[in-house]
């Protein structure tokens, strides 16, 4: 599956991979993911889904995450998993 990501600005420290109908947003960082980051992740996911709405989005991270941010992302259809 090919997705043209040239039109999307990807923040530093973030990778996007597509596999089997899923889009993985990978964030490899040490600092906590807070609501501000969650909103940026959601806007990035919406940009990717605009290219192909049939995909499911999943966030993979090794960073600790604020519980409100995790709930916010899951309510908006973004699964959260560890790296």
PDB file of N, CA and C in Angstrom:
ATOM      1  N   UNK A   1       0.831  -1.169   0.000  1.00  0.00           N
ATOM      2  CA  UNK A   1       0.000   0.000   0.000  1.00  0.00           C
ATOM      3  C   UNK A   1       0.879   1.236   0.000  1.00  0.00           C
ATOM      4  N   UNK A   2       0.600   2.128  -0.888  1.00  0.00           N
ATOM      5  CA  UNK A   2       1.413   3.317  -1.011  1.00  0.00           C
ATOM      6  C   UNK A   2       0.606   4.550  -0.630  1.00  0.00           C
ATOM      7  N   UNK A   3       1.195   5.387   0.173  1.00  0.00           N
ATOM      8  CA  UNK A   3       0.566   6.638   0.559  1.00  0.00           C
ATOM      9  C   UNK A   3       1.557   7.750   0.255  1.00  0.00           C
ATOM     10  N   UNK A   4       1.096   8.779  -0.430  1.00  0.00           N
ATOM     11  CA  UNK A   4       1.958   9.910  -0.738  1.00  0.00           C
ATOM     12  C   UNK A   4       1.921  10.877   0.438  1.00  0.00           C
ATOM     13  N   UNK A   5       2.994  10.913   1.206  1.00  0.00           N
ATOM     14  CA  UNK A   5       3.043  11.740   2.403  1.00  0.00           C
ATOM     15  C   UNK A   5       3.764  13.060   2.181  1.00  0.00           C
ATOM     16  N   UNK A   6       4.114  13.380   0.942  1.00  0.00           N
ATOM     17  CA  UNK A   6       4.857  14.599   0.670  1.00  0.00           C
ATOM     18  C   UNK A   6       4.059  15.853   1.018  1.00  0.00           C
ATOM     19  N   UNK A   7       2.737  15.781   0.929  1.00  0.00           N
ATOM     20  CA  UNK A   7       1.899  16.959   1.188  1.00  0.00           C
ATOM     21  C   UNK A   7       1.664  17.185   2.683  1.00  0.00           C
ATOM     22  N   UNK A   8       2.079  16.230   3.520  1.00  0.00           N
ATOM     23  CA  UNK A   8       1.857  16.331   4.962  1.00  0.00           C
ATOM     24  C   UNK A   8       3.171  16.690   5.648  1.00  0.00           C
ATOM     25  N   UNK A   9       3.127  17.680   6.532  1.00  0.00           N
ATOM     26  CA  UNK A   9       4.315  18.045   7.306  1.00  0.00           C
ATOM     27  C   UNK A   9       4.396  17.128   8.520  1.00  0.00           C
ATOM     28  N   UNK A  10       5.450  16.346   8.577  1.00  0.00           N
ATOM     29  CA  UNK A  10       5.628  15.391   9.673  1.00  0.00           C
ATOM     30  C   UNK A  10       6.598  15.994  10.685  1.00  0.00           C
ATOM     31  N   UNK A  11       6.198  16.080  11.959  1.00  0.00           N
ATOM     32  CA  UNK A  11       7.080  16.656  12.976  1.00  0.00           C
ATOM     33  C   UNK A  11       8.343  15.821  13.187  1.00  0.00           C
ATOM     34  N   UNK A  12       9.379  16.475  13.661  1.00  0.00           N
ATOM     35  CA  UNK A  12      10.637  15.786  13.953  1.00  0.00           C
ATOM     36  C   UNK A  12      10.403  14.709  15.005  1.00  0.00           C
ATOM     37  N   UNK A  13      11.036  13.580  14.845  1.00  0.00           N
ATOM     38  CA  UNK A  13      10.895  12.479  15.796  1.00  0.00           C
ATOM     39  C   UNK A  13       9.676  11.612  15.552  1.00  0.00           C
ATOM     40  N   UNK A  14       9.014  11.824  14.429  1.00  0.00           N
ATOM     41  CA  UNK A  14       7.812  11.061  14.108  1.00  0.00           C
ATOM     42  C   UNK A  14       8.002  10.338  12.793  1.00  0.00           C
ATOM     43  N   UNK A  15       7.614   9.083  12.761  1.00  0.00           N
ATOM     44  CA  UNK A  15       7.646   8.288  11.529  1.00  0.00           C
ATOM     45  C   UNK A  15       6.233   7.815  11.231  1.00  0.00           C
ATOM     46  N   UNK A  16       5.936   7.649   9.947  1.00  0.00           N
ATOM     47  CA  UNK A  16       4.641   7.112   9.548  1.00  0.00           C
ATOM     48  C   UNK A  16       4.877   5.908   8.663  1.00  0.00           C
ATOM     49  N   UNK A  17       4.235   4.799   9.007  1.00  0.00           N
ATOM     50  CA  UNK A  17       4.339   3.561   8.233  1.00  0.00           C
ATOM     51  C   UNK A  17       2.927   3.062   7.938  1.00  0.00           C
ATOM     52  N   UNK A  18       2.758   2.415   6.806  1.00  0.00           N
ATOM     53  CA  UNK A  18       1.463   1.832   6.449  1.00  0.00           C
ATOM     54  C   UNK A  18       1.638   0.341   6.224  1.00  0.00           C
ATOM     55  N   UNK A  19       0.700  -0.434   6.764  1.00  0.00           N
ATOM     56  CA  UNK A  19       0.764  -1.878   6.613  1.00  0.00           C
ATOM     57  C   UNK A  19      -0.602  -2.483   6.857  1.00  0.00           C
ATOM     58  N   UNK A  20      -1.073  -3.292   5.932  1.00  0.00           N
ATOM     59  CA  UNK A  20      -2.309  -4.074   6.078  1.00  0.00           C
ATOM     60  C   UNK A  20      -3.509  -3.234   6.524  1.00  0.00           C
ATOM     61  N   UNK A  21      -3.725  -2.125   5.862  1.00  0.00           N
ATOM     62  CA  UNK A  21      -4.884  -1.302   6.174  1.00  0.00           C
ATOM     63  C   UNK A  21      -4.758  -0.456   7.423  1.00  0.00           C
ATOM     64  N   UNK A  22      -3.556  -0.408   8.010  1.00  0.00           N
ATOM     65  CA  UNK A  22      -3.322   0.413   9.193  1.00  0.00           C
ATOM     66  C   UNK A  22      -2.220   1.418   8.907  1.00  0.00           C
ATOM     67  N   UNK A  23      -2.328   2.548   9.548  1.00  0.00           N
ATOM     68  CA  UNK A  23      -1.268   3.549   9.507  1.00  0.00           C
ATOM     69  C   UNK A  23      -0.706   3.648  10.913  1.00  0.00           C
ATOM     70  N   UNK A  24       0.592   3.486  11.028  1.00  0.00           N
ATOM     71  CA  UNK A  24       1.261   3.564  12.317  1.00  0.00           C
ATOM     72  C   UNK A  24       1.995   4.893  12.411  1.00  0.00           C
ATOM     73  N   UNK A  25       1.671   5.663  13.428  1.00  0.00           N
ATOM     74  CA  UNK A  25       2.419   6.876  13.731  1.00  0.00           C
ATOM     75  C   UNK A  25       3.356   6.491  14.860  1.00  0.00           C
ATOM     76  N   UNK A  26       4.658   6.535  14.598  1.00  0.00           N
ATOM     77  CA  UNK A  26       5.641   6.125  15.604  1.00  0.00           C
ATOM     78  C   UNK A  26       6.322   7.357  16.176  1.00  0.00           C
ATOM     79  N   UNK A  27       6.275   7.483  17.499  1.00  0.00           N
ATOM     80  CA  UNK A  27       6.943   8.581  18.194  1.00  0.00           C
ATOM     81  C   UNK A  27       7.940   7.961  19.170  1.00  0.00           C
ATOM     82  N   UNK A  28       9.201   8.211  18.895  1.00  0.00           N
ATOM     83  CA  UNK A  28      10.264   7.687  19.740  1.00  0.00           C
ATOM     84  C   UNK A  28      10.857   8.859  20.510  1.00  0.00           C
ATOM     85  N   UNK A  29      10.472   8.982  21.769  1.00  0.00           N
ATOM     86  CA  UNK A  29      10.953  10.086  22.591  1.00  0.00           C
ATOM     87  C   UNK A  29      10.947   9.686  24.050  1.00  0.00           C
ATOM     88  N   UNK A  30      11.608  10.482  24.872  1.00  0.00           N
ATOM     89  CA  UNK A  30      11.698  10.173  26.297  1.00  0.00           C
ATOM     90  C   UNK A  30      10.687  10.973  27.115  1.00  0.00           C
ATOM     91  N   UNK A  31      10.338  12.159  26.637  1.00  0.00           N
ATOM     92  CA  UNK A  31       9.452  13.017  27.425  1.00  0.00           C
ATOM     93  C   UNK A  31       7.991  12.606  27.289  1.00  0.00           C
ATOM     94  N   UNK A  32       7.207  12.969  28.255  1.00  0.00           N
ATOM     95  CA  UNK A  32       5.791  12.612  28.348  1.00  0.00           C
ATOM     96  C   UNK A  32       4.998  13.216  27.191  1.00  0.00           C
ATOM     97  N   UNK A  33       4.031  12.459  26.704  1.00  0.00           N
ATOM     98  CA  UNK A  33       3.128  12.952  25.672  1.00  0.00           C
ATOM     99  C   UNK A  33       1.931  13.577  26.384  1.00  0.00           C
ATOM    100  N   UNK A  34       1.742  14.890  26.154  1.00  0.00           N
ATOM    101  CA  UNK A  34       0.668  15.623  26.824  1.00  0.00           C
ATOM    102  C   UNK A  34      -0.422  15.976  25.813  1.00  0.00           C
ATOM    103  N   UNK A  35      -1.464  16.648  26.273  1.00  0.00           N
ATOM    104  CA  UNK A  35      -2.615  16.954  25.424  1.00  0.00           C
ATOM    105  C   UNK A  35      -2.225  17.767  24.194  1.00  0.00           C
ATOM    106  N   UNK A  36      -1.284  18.678  24.331  1.00  0.00           N
ATOM    107  CA  UNK A  36      -0.829  19.462  23.177  1.00  0.00           C
ATOM    108  C   UNK A  36      -0.294  18.525  22.092  1.00  0.00           C
ATOM    109  N   UNK A  37       0.480  17.527  22.494  1.00  0.00           N
ATOM    110  CA  UNK A  37       0.995  16.539  21.545  1.00  0.00           C
ATOM    111  C   UNK A  37      -0.143  15.706  20.969  1.00  0.00           C
ATOM    112  N   UNK A  38      -1.129  15.381  21.810  1.00  0.00           N
ATOM    113  CA  UNK A  38      -2.271  14.593  21.362  1.00  0.00           C
ATOM    114  C   UNK A  38      -3.054  15.302  20.264  1.00  0.00           C
ATOM    115  N   UNK A  39      -3.218  16.596  20.405  1.00  0.00           N
ATOM    116  CA  UNK A  39      -3.920  17.367  19.360  1.00  0.00           C
ATOM    117  C   UNK A  39      -3.123  17.370  18.059  1.00  0.00           C
ATOM    118  N   UNK A  40      -1.796  17.472  18.161  1.00  0.00           N
ATOM    119  CA  UNK A  40      -0.953  17.421  16.953  1.00  0.00           C
ATOM    120  C   UNK A  40      -1.024  16.044  16.295  1.00  0.00           C
ATOM    121  N   UNK A  41      -1.036  14.997  17.109  1.00  0.00           N
ATOM    122  CA  UNK A  41      -1.142  13.637  16.579  1.00  0.00           C
ATOM    123  C   UNK A  41      -2.486  13.449  15.883  1.00  0.00           C
ATOM    124  N   UNK A  42      -3.554  13.980  16.475  1.00  0.00           N
ATOM    125  CA  UNK A  42      -4.876  13.875  15.866  1.00  0.00           C
ATOM    126  C   UNK A  42      -4.928  14.613  14.529  1.00  0.00           C
ATOM    127  N   UNK A  43      -4.344  15.803  14.461  1.00  0.00           N
ATOM    128  CA  UNK A  43      -4.363  16.540  13.190  1.00  0.00           C
ATOM    129  C   UNK A  43      -3.527  15.823  12.135  1.00  0.00           C
ATOM    130  N   UNK A  44      -2.424  15.207  12.551  1.00  0.00           N
ATOM    131  CA  UNK A  44      -1.607  14.425  11.626  1.00  0.00           C
ATOM    132  C   UNK A  44      -2.395  13.219  11.119  1.00  0.00           C
ATOM    133  N   UNK A  45      -3.098  12.545  12.023  1.00  0.00           N
ATOM    134  CA  UNK A  45      -3.910  11.391  11.644  1.00  0.00           C
ATOM    135  C   UNK A  45      -5.024  11.802  10.680  1.00  0.00           C
ATOM    136  N   UNK A  46      -5.658  12.944  10.936  1.00  0.00           N
ATOM    137  CA  UNK A  46      -6.717  13.427  10.047  1.00  0.00           C
ATOM    138  C   UNK A  46      -6.167  13.752   8.664  1.00  0.00           C
ATOM    139  N   UNK A  47      -4.953  14.291   8.603  1.00  0.00           N
ATOM    140  CA  UNK A  47      -4.327  14.585   7.313  1.00  0.00           C
ATOM    141  C   UNK A  47      -4.059  13.310   6.523  1.00  0.00           C
ATOM    142  N   UNK A  48      -3.600  12.291   7.219  1.00  0.00           N
ATOM    143  CA  UNK A  48      -3.324  11.011   6.563  1.00  0.00           C
ATOM    144  C   UNK A  48      -4.621  10.351   6.117  1.00  0.00           C
ATOM    145  N   UNK A  49      -5.638  10.405   6.977  1.00  0.00           N
ATOM    146  CA  UNK A  49      -6.924   9.797   6.633  1.00  0.00           C
ATOM    147  C   UNK A  49      -7.611  10.524   5.484  1.00  0.00           C
ATOM    148  N   UNK A  50      -7.290  11.795   5.283  1.00  0.00           N
ATOM    149  CA  UNK A  50      -7.863  12.524   4.149  1.00  0.00           C
ATOM    150  C   UNK A  50      -7.366  11.925   2.830  1.00  0.00           C
ATOM    151  N   UNK A  51      -6.162  11.338   2.860  1.00  0.00           N
ATOM    152  CA  UNK A  51      -5.610  10.707   1.662  1.00  0.00           C
ATOM    153  C   UNK A  51      -6.264   9.354   1.399  1.00  0.00           C
ATOM    154  N   UNK A  52      -6.578   8.612   2.463  1.00  0.00           N
ATOM    155  CA  UNK A  52      -7.225   7.311   2.322  1.00  0.00           C
ATOM    156  C   UNK A  52      -8.037   7.018   3.581  1.00  0.00           C
ATOM    157  N   UNK A  53      -9.337   7.320   3.552  1.00  0.00           N
ATOM    158  CA  UNK A  53     -10.158   7.177   4.759  1.00  0.00           C
ATOM    159  C   UNK A  53     -10.404   5.740   5.223  1.00  0.00           C
ATOM    160  N   UNK A  54     -10.051   4.756   4.431  1.00  0.00           N
ATOM    161  CA  UNK A  54     -10.315   3.370   4.833  1.00  0.00           C
ATOM    162  C   UNK A  54      -9.280   2.827   5.824  1.00  0.00           C
ATOM    163  N   UNK A  55      -8.199   3.542   6.050  1.00  0.00           N
ATOM    164  CA  UNK A  55      -7.162   3.093   6.980  1.00  0.00           C
ATOM    165  C   UNK A  55      -7.585   3.296   8.431  1.00  0.00           C
ATOM    166  N   UNK A  56      -6.999   2.510   9.325  1.00  0.00           N
ATOM    167  CA  UNK A  56      -7.142   2.710  10.763  1.00  0.00           C
ATOM    168  C   UNK A  56      -5.805   3.262  11.253  1.00  0.00           C
ATOM    169  N   UNK A  57      -5.854   4.152  12.220  1.00  0.00           N
ATOM    170  CA  UNK A  57      -4.643   4.817  12.708  1.00  0.00           C
ATOM    171  C   UNK A  57      -4.273   4.278  14.079  1.00  0.00           C
ATOM    172  N   UNK A  58      -2.973   4.053  14.273  1.00  0.00           N
ATOM    173  CA  UNK A  58      -2.466   3.554  15.551  1.00  0.00           C
ATOM    174  C   UNK A  58      -1.219   4.343  15.919  1.00  0.00           C
ATOM    175  N   UNK A  59      -1.137   4.770  17.157  1.00  0.00           N
ATOM    176  CA  UNK A  59       0.034   5.470  17.671  1.00  0.00           C
ATOM    177  C   UNK A  59       0.892   4.474  18.424  1.00  0.00           C
ATOM    178  N   UNK A  60       2.157   4.362  18.033  1.00  0.00           N
ATOM    179  CA  UNK A  60       3.112   3.498  18.736  1.00  0.00           C
ATOM    180  C   UNK A  60       4.171   4.403  19.355  1.00  0.00           C
ATOM    181  N   UNK A  61       4.345   4.305  20.662  1.00  0.00           N
ATOM    182  CA  UNK A  61       5.306   5.167  21.334  1.00  0.00           C
ATOM    183  C   UNK A  61       5.926   4.459  22.524  1.00  0.00           C
ATOM    184  N   UNK A  62       7.136   4.887  22.863  1.00  0.00           N
ATOM    185  CA  UNK A  62       7.794   4.367  24.056  1.00  0.00           C
ATOM    186  C   UNK A  62       7.743   5.386  25.192  1.00  0.00           C
ATOM    187  N   UNK A  63       7.130   6.537  24.940  1.00  0.00           N
ATOM    188  CA  UNK A  63       7.060   7.606  25.932  1.00  0.00           C
ATOM    189  C   UNK A  63       5.864   7.408  26.857  1.00  0.00           C
ATOM    190  N   UNK A  64       5.986   7.871  28.097  1.00  0.00           N
ATOM    191  CA  UNK A  64       4.822   7.857  28.975  1.00  0.00           C
ATOM    192  C   UNK A  64       3.769   8.823  28.427  1.00  0.00           C
ATOM    193  N   UNK A  65       2.500   8.530  28.690  1.00  0.00           N
ATOM    194  CA  UNK A  65       1.437   9.347  28.133  1.00  0.00           C
ATOM    195  C   UNK A  65       0.451   9.757  29.221  1.00  0.00           C
ATOM    196  N   UNK A  66       0.052  10.996  29.174  1.00  0.00           N
ATOM    197  CA  UNK A  66      -0.975  11.521  30.065  1.00  0.00           C
ATOM    198  C   UNK A  66      -2.261  10.725  29.850  1.00  0.00           C
ATOM    199  N   UNK A  67      -2.941  10.338  30.914  1.00  0.00           N
ATOM    200  CA  UNK A  67      -4.139   9.507  30.788  1.00  0.00           C
ATOM    201  C   UNK A  67      -5.258  10.229  30.034  1.00  0.00           C
ATOM    202  N   UNK A  68      -5.360  11.547  30.199  1.00  0.00           N
ATOM    203  CA  UNK A  68      -6.380  12.312  29.479  1.00  0.00           C
ATOM    204  C   UNK A  68      -6.081  12.308  27.976  1.00  0.00           C
ATOM    205  N   UNK A  69      -4.806  12.383  27.628  1.00  0.00           N
ATOM    206  CA  UNK A  69      -4.417  12.371  26.219  1.00  0.00           C
ATOM    207  C   UNK A  69      -4.717  11.022  25.598  1.00  0.00           C
ATOM    208  N   UNK A  70      -4.411   9.949  26.321  1.00  0.00           N
ATOM    209  CA  UNK A  70      -4.695   8.609  25.814  1.00  0.00           C
ATOM    210  C   UNK A  70      -6.191   8.432  25.588  1.00  0.00           C
ATOM    211  N   UNK A  71      -6.998   8.871  26.532  1.00  0.00           N
ATOM    212  CA  UNK A  71      -8.451   8.777  26.402  1.00  0.00           C
ATOM    213  C   UNK A  71      -8.934   9.617  25.218  1.00  0.00           C
ATOM    214  N   UNK A  72      -8.387  10.830  25.049  1.00  0.00           N
ATOM    215  CA  UNK A  72      -8.738  11.715  23.944  1.00  0.00           C
ATOM    216  C   UNK A  72      -8.447  11.052  22.597  1.00  0.00           C
ATOM    217  N   UNK A  73      -7.269  10.453  22.458  1.00  0.00           N
ATOM    218  CA  UNK A  73      -6.901   9.810  21.190  1.00  0.00           C
ATOM    219  C   UNK A  73      -7.796   8.601  20.912  1.00  0.00           C
ATOM    220  N   UNK A  74      -8.044   7.795  21.928  1.00  0.00           N
ATOM    221  CA  UNK A  74      -8.885   6.611  21.738  1.00  0.00           C
ATOM    222  C   UNK A  74     -10.329   6.989  21.403  1.00  0.00           C
ATOM    223  N   UNK A  75     -10.833   8.070  21.994  1.00  0.00           N
ATOM    224  CA  UNK A  75     -12.180   8.545  21.656  1.00  0.00           C
ATOM    225  C   UNK A  75     -12.270   9.012  20.206  1.00  0.00           C
ATOM    226  N   UNK A  76     -11.132   9.443  19.661  1.00  0.00           N
ATOM    227  CA  UNK A  76     -11.086   9.912  18.286  1.00  0.00           C
ATOM    228  C   UNK A  76     -10.621   8.834  17.314  1.00  0.00           C
ATOM    229  N   UNK A  77     -10.617   7.582  17.751  1.00  0.00           N
ATOM    230  CA  UNK A  77     -10.348   6.454  16.854  1.00  0.00           C
ATOM    231  C   UNK A  77      -8.880   6.129  16.629  1.00  0.00           C
ATOM    232  N   UNK A  78      -8.012   6.594  17.510  1.00  0.00           N
ATOM    233  CA  UNK A  78      -6.582   6.292  17.376  1.00  0.00           C
ATOM    234  C   UNK A  78      -6.185   5.342  18.493  1.00  0.00           C
ATOM    235  N   UNK A  79      -5.810   4.134  18.122  1.00  0.00           N
ATOM    236  CA  UNK A  79      -5.364   3.135  19.108  1.00  0.00           C
ATOM    237  C   UNK A  79      -3.966   3.515  19.585  1.00  0.00           C
ATOM    238  N   UNK A  80      -3.667   3.280  20.857  1.00  0.00           N
ATOM    239  CA  UNK A  80      -2.361   3.610  21.429  1.00  0.00           C
ATOM    240  C   UNK A  80      -1.688   2.331  21.897  1.00  0.00           C
ATOM    241  N   UNK A  81      -0.474   2.076  21.396  1.00  0.00           N
ATOM    242  CA  UNK A  81       0.293   0.894  21.790  1.00  0.00           C
ATOM    243  C   UNK A  81       1.732   1.288  22.099  1.00  0.00           C
ATOM    244  N   UNK A  82       2.440   0.408  22.763  1.00  0.00           N
ATOM    245  CA  UNK A  82       3.851   0.630  23.059  1.00  0.00           C
ATOM    246  C   UNK A  82       4.726   0.133  21.936  1.00  0.00           C
ATOM    247  N   UNK A  83       5.933   0.688  21.851  1.00  0.00           N
ATOM    248  CA  UNK A  83       6.884   0.239  20.815  1.00  0.00           C
ATOM    249  C   UNK A  83       7.490  -1.090  21.187  1.00  0.00           C
TER     250      UNK A  83
END
